[in-house]
Structures are given as C-alpha cells and as structure tokens.
N, C-alpha and C. Protein backbone atom coordinates (compact mmCIF):
# COMPACT_ATOMS: atom_id res chain seq x y z
N MET A 1 82.80 139.69 102.72
CA MET A 1 82.42 139.45 104.10
C MET A 1 80.92 139.74 104.27
N ILE A 2 80.29 138.93 105.09
CA ILE A 2 78.90 139.16 105.47
C ILE A 2 78.90 140.06 106.70
N LYS A 3 78.03 141.07 106.68
CA LYS A 3 77.90 141.96 107.84
C LYS A 3 76.46 141.87 108.34
N ALA A 4 76.31 141.53 109.62
CA ALA A 4 75.00 141.47 110.26
C ALA A 4 74.93 142.58 111.30
N VAL A 5 73.90 143.40 111.22
CA VAL A 5 73.72 144.50 112.16
C VAL A 5 72.35 144.35 112.81
N PHE A 6 72.35 144.35 114.14
CA PHE A 6 71.11 144.23 114.91
C PHE A 6 70.86 145.52 115.65
N TRP A 7 69.62 145.92 115.71
CA TRP A 7 69.18 147.02 116.55
C TRP A 7 67.90 146.58 117.23
N LYS A 8 67.37 147.38 118.11
CA LYS A 8 66.24 146.95 118.93
C LYS A 8 65.02 146.54 118.12
N THR A 9 64.78 147.19 116.98
CA THR A 9 63.57 146.92 116.21
C THR A 9 63.82 146.16 114.92
N GLY A 10 64.94 145.44 114.84
CA GLY A 10 65.18 144.62 113.66
C GLY A 10 66.64 144.32 113.41
N PHE A 11 66.91 143.89 112.19
CA PHE A 11 68.28 143.57 111.80
C PHE A 11 68.41 143.62 110.28
N LYS A 12 69.68 143.71 109.85
CA LYS A 12 70.02 143.70 108.44
C LYS A 12 71.25 142.82 108.26
N VAL A 13 71.24 141.99 107.24
CA VAL A 13 72.38 141.15 106.92
C VAL A 13 72.67 141.32 105.44
N GLU A 14 73.93 141.63 105.12
CA GLU A 14 74.26 141.82 103.71
C GLU A 14 75.70 141.41 103.42
N GLY A 15 75.95 141.16 102.16
CA GLY A 15 77.29 140.79 101.72
C GLY A 15 77.40 139.32 101.39
N HIS A 16 78.62 138.93 101.08
CA HIS A 16 78.91 137.55 100.73
C HIS A 16 80.11 137.08 101.54
N ALA A 17 80.07 135.84 101.98
CA ALA A 17 81.12 135.30 102.85
C ALA A 17 82.45 135.14 102.11
N ASP A 18 82.39 134.74 100.85
CA ASP A 18 83.61 134.48 100.07
C ASP A 18 84.53 133.47 100.75
N PHE A 19 83.91 132.51 101.44
CA PHE A 19 84.69 131.44 102.07
C PHE A 19 85.11 130.40 101.04
N ASP A 20 84.21 130.12 100.11
CA ASP A 20 84.45 129.13 99.06
C ASP A 20 83.66 129.55 97.83
N GLU A 21 83.77 128.80 96.77
CA GLU A 21 83.04 129.14 95.55
C GLU A 21 81.54 128.95 95.73
N TYR A 22 80.77 129.60 94.86
CA TYR A 22 79.32 129.53 94.91
C TYR A 22 78.87 128.07 94.90
N GLY A 23 77.97 127.74 95.78
CA GLY A 23 77.46 126.37 95.88
C GLY A 23 78.23 125.50 96.86
N LYS A 24 79.39 125.97 97.31
CA LYS A 24 80.21 125.21 98.25
C LYS A 24 80.55 126.02 99.50
N ASP A 25 79.99 127.21 99.61
CA ASP A 25 80.33 128.13 100.70
C ASP A 25 79.49 127.80 101.94
N VAL A 26 80.09 127.09 102.89
CA VAL A 26 79.36 126.66 104.08
C VAL A 26 79.02 127.82 105.01
N VAL A 27 79.84 128.87 105.02
CA VAL A 27 79.54 130.04 105.84
C VAL A 27 78.29 130.73 105.30
N CYS A 28 78.26 130.94 104.00
CA CYS A 28 77.10 131.56 103.37
C CYS A 28 75.84 130.72 103.61
N ALA A 29 75.95 129.42 103.45
CA ALA A 29 74.80 128.55 103.63
C ALA A 29 74.27 128.59 105.07
N ALA A 30 75.18 128.57 106.02
CA ALA A 30 74.76 128.61 107.43
C ALA A 30 74.07 129.93 107.76
N VAL A 31 74.69 131.04 107.38
CA VAL A 31 74.13 132.36 107.67
C VAL A 31 72.80 132.54 106.94
N SER A 32 72.77 132.20 105.67
CA SER A 32 71.54 132.36 104.89
C SER A 32 70.39 131.56 105.49
N GLY A 33 70.65 130.33 105.85
CA GLY A 33 69.59 129.49 106.41
C GLY A 33 69.04 130.04 107.71
N MET A 34 69.93 130.43 108.61
CA MET A 34 69.48 130.96 109.90
C MET A 34 68.73 132.27 109.74
N VAL A 35 69.27 133.18 108.93
CA VAL A 35 68.68 134.50 108.77
C VAL A 35 67.31 134.42 108.09
N GLN A 36 67.22 133.61 107.04
CA GLN A 36 65.95 133.49 106.34
C GLN A 36 64.88 132.82 107.20
N LEU A 37 65.26 131.81 107.97
CA LEU A 37 64.30 131.17 108.87
C LEU A 37 63.78 132.18 109.88
N ALA A 38 64.68 132.92 110.52
CA ALA A 38 64.25 133.94 111.48
C ALA A 38 63.38 134.99 110.80
N GLY A 39 63.75 135.39 109.60
CA GLY A 39 62.99 136.38 108.86
C GLY A 39 61.57 135.92 108.57
N TYR A 40 61.42 134.69 108.12
CA TYR A 40 60.08 134.18 107.83
C TYR A 40 59.24 134.01 109.09
N ILE A 41 59.86 133.60 110.18
CA ILE A 41 59.13 133.48 111.45
C ILE A 41 58.65 134.86 111.90
N LEU A 42 59.55 135.83 111.84
CA LEU A 42 59.18 137.19 112.26
C LEU A 42 58.15 137.82 111.32
N LYS A 43 58.22 137.48 110.05
CA LYS A 43 57.21 137.95 109.09
C LYS A 43 55.83 137.41 109.48
N ALA A 44 55.78 136.15 109.89
CA ALA A 44 54.52 135.56 110.33
C ALA A 44 53.97 136.26 111.57
N LYS A 45 54.86 136.92 112.32
CA LYS A 45 54.45 137.66 113.50
C LYS A 45 54.20 139.14 113.18
N GLY A 46 54.23 139.50 111.88
CA GLY A 46 53.89 140.86 111.48
C GLY A 46 55.04 141.76 111.09
N ALA A 47 56.26 141.26 111.12
CA ALA A 47 57.41 142.09 110.76
C ALA A 47 57.48 142.29 109.24
N LYS A 48 58.16 143.35 108.83
CA LYS A 48 58.44 143.57 107.42
C LYS A 48 59.74 142.83 107.10
N PHE A 49 59.67 141.91 106.14
CA PHE A 49 60.79 141.05 105.78
C PHE A 49 61.14 141.31 104.32
N THR A 50 62.34 141.85 104.08
CA THR A 50 62.81 142.14 102.73
C THR A 50 63.99 141.22 102.43
N ARG A 51 63.90 140.52 101.31
CA ARG A 51 64.97 139.59 100.94
C ARG A 51 65.32 139.79 99.47
N GLU A 52 66.58 140.12 99.24
CA GLU A 52 67.12 140.27 97.89
C GLU A 52 68.47 139.57 97.86
N LYS A 53 69.03 139.38 96.71
CA LYS A 53 70.32 138.71 96.61
C LYS A 53 71.37 139.47 97.41
N GLY A 54 71.94 138.81 98.39
CA GLY A 54 72.99 139.42 99.21
C GLY A 54 72.50 140.40 100.25
N HIS A 55 71.18 140.46 100.50
CA HIS A 55 70.65 141.44 101.45
C HIS A 55 69.34 140.94 102.06
N VAL A 56 69.28 140.96 103.38
CA VAL A 56 68.04 140.65 104.11
C VAL A 56 67.86 141.72 105.17
N GLU A 57 66.63 142.20 105.31
CA GLU A 57 66.34 143.17 106.36
C GLU A 57 64.99 142.85 106.97
N VAL A 58 64.94 142.93 108.30
CA VAL A 58 63.70 142.71 109.05
C VAL A 58 63.46 143.92 109.93
N LYS A 59 62.26 144.49 109.81
CA LYS A 59 61.85 145.61 110.65
C LYS A 59 60.63 145.17 111.43
N LEU A 60 60.74 145.23 112.75
CA LEU A 60 59.67 144.74 113.62
C LEU A 60 58.60 145.80 113.83
N ASN A 61 57.36 145.34 113.84
CA ASN A 61 56.23 146.21 114.16
C ASN A 61 55.83 146.05 115.61
N ASP A 62 56.06 144.88 116.14
CA ASP A 62 55.67 144.55 117.50
C ASP A 62 56.83 143.83 118.16
N PHE A 63 57.00 144.03 119.44
CA PHE A 63 58.14 143.43 120.12
C PHE A 63 57.64 142.77 121.40
N ASP A 64 57.54 141.44 121.37
CA ASP A 64 57.10 140.69 122.55
C ASP A 64 58.21 139.72 122.97
N LYS A 65 57.92 138.89 123.95
CA LYS A 65 58.94 137.94 124.46
C LYS A 65 59.41 136.99 123.37
N ASP A 66 58.48 136.50 122.54
CA ASP A 66 58.87 135.58 121.48
C ASP A 66 59.79 136.24 120.46
N THR A 67 59.45 137.46 120.09
CA THR A 67 60.28 138.20 119.14
C THR A 67 61.67 138.43 119.71
N PHE A 68 61.73 138.83 120.96
CA PHE A 68 63.02 139.03 121.64
C PHE A 68 63.83 137.74 121.63
N LEU A 69 63.18 136.63 121.93
CA LEU A 69 63.87 135.33 121.97
C LEU A 69 64.40 134.95 120.59
N ILE A 70 63.62 135.16 119.54
CA ILE A 70 64.05 134.84 118.18
C ILE A 70 65.29 135.66 117.82
N LEU A 71 65.26 136.97 118.11
CA LEU A 71 66.41 137.83 117.81
C LEU A 71 67.64 137.42 118.61
N GLU A 72 67.46 137.10 119.88
CA GLU A 72 68.61 136.70 120.71
C GLU A 72 69.22 135.38 120.24
N ILE A 73 68.38 134.44 119.85
CA ILE A 73 68.89 133.16 119.34
C ILE A 73 69.65 133.37 118.04
N LEU A 74 69.09 134.18 117.14
CA LEU A 74 69.77 134.45 115.87
C LEU A 74 71.11 135.15 116.12
N LYS A 75 71.13 136.16 116.98
CA LYS A 75 72.39 136.86 117.30
C LYS A 75 73.42 135.88 117.84
N SER A 76 73.01 135.05 118.78
CA SER A 76 73.92 134.09 119.39
C SER A 76 74.47 133.10 118.35
N ALA A 77 73.60 132.59 117.51
CA ALA A 77 74.03 131.64 116.49
C ALA A 77 75.00 132.28 115.50
N LEU A 78 74.70 133.50 115.08
CA LEU A 78 75.60 134.19 114.15
C LEU A 78 76.93 134.53 114.81
N LYS A 79 76.91 134.88 116.09
CA LYS A 79 78.17 135.15 116.80
C LYS A 79 79.02 133.88 116.90
N ASP A 80 78.39 132.72 117.04
CA ASP A 80 79.13 131.46 117.04
C ASP A 80 79.84 131.24 115.70
N VAL A 81 79.14 131.52 114.60
CA VAL A 81 79.75 131.40 113.28
C VAL A 81 80.87 132.43 113.12
N GLU A 82 80.63 133.65 113.61
CA GLU A 82 81.65 134.70 113.54
C GLU A 82 82.93 134.29 114.26
N LYS A 83 82.81 133.63 115.41
CA LYS A 83 84.00 133.19 116.16
C LYS A 83 84.83 132.21 115.34
N LYS A 84 84.15 131.33 114.62
CA LYS A 84 84.87 130.32 113.84
C LYS A 84 85.38 130.87 112.50
N TYR A 85 84.67 131.84 111.94
CA TYR A 85 85.03 132.39 110.63
C TYR A 85 85.08 133.93 110.69
N PRO A 86 85.98 134.49 111.48
CA PRO A 86 86.00 135.96 111.68
C PRO A 86 86.36 136.76 110.43
N ASP A 87 86.96 136.14 109.45
CA ASP A 87 87.29 136.85 108.22
C ASP A 87 86.13 136.85 107.22
N HIS A 88 85.03 136.19 107.59
CA HIS A 88 83.92 136.03 106.66
C HIS A 88 82.57 136.52 107.19
N LEU A 89 82.50 136.80 108.49
CA LEU A 89 81.26 137.28 109.09
C LEU A 89 81.57 138.25 110.22
N LYS A 90 80.88 139.39 110.21
CA LYS A 90 80.99 140.38 111.27
C LYS A 90 79.59 140.64 111.81
N VAL A 91 79.41 140.48 113.13
CA VAL A 91 78.12 140.72 113.78
C VAL A 91 78.26 141.96 114.66
N GLU A 92 77.34 142.89 114.48
CA GLU A 92 77.36 144.14 115.25
C GLU A 92 75.99 144.38 115.86
N VAL A 93 75.99 144.81 117.11
CA VAL A 93 74.76 145.18 117.80
C VAL A 93 74.84 146.66 118.13
N ILE A 94 73.87 147.43 117.64
CA ILE A 94 73.90 148.88 117.91
C ILE A 94 72.70 149.29 118.73
C-alpha cells in the first residue's frame, strides 16, 4: 500500500500500490506522476525535494498562496485515487 502523509510544511509518500505487476500498476503510475510533478514544482519554489525508490518527501521553506494551492490540489487528487482504490492508497493529513 502507498501511504501519503501531509502536514503544514510538506508531505511524504512511500510504499508500493501492489495493484498490478511492475509496469502495469495504474495506481502506482497515477500517484507517482502526481507526486513527482508537485515535488518538482515545489522544488522550483525552494522546497527540499527528496526522491528515492518507493519514497518521496517534500519539506517547504516558504509557504505562500501558490504553495498552499499546489498542496491542496495534490491532496485532493490523491484522495480521489484513494476513494477508488482504498486497498492500495491511504492519504492522511496531520
């Protein structure tokens, strides 16, 4: 299962969806694409972006309206995937 955890100054996503075999896992592909895009955008805005196999973490240095909007859109998109695939993705906001 993929676990996404959001807090006010960043987020962490780790794990594997195990929805299908490697290369055919649509849950993994959707989550990976969204999370990495948000991570690279936030990195361009000065955030610390760490990406390793099965793990992404973003720590924000600055928090403005754009950053808030990016995080809210990512949370919302991941929650949509979680609703459809609850056995493969868990989204938590702390």
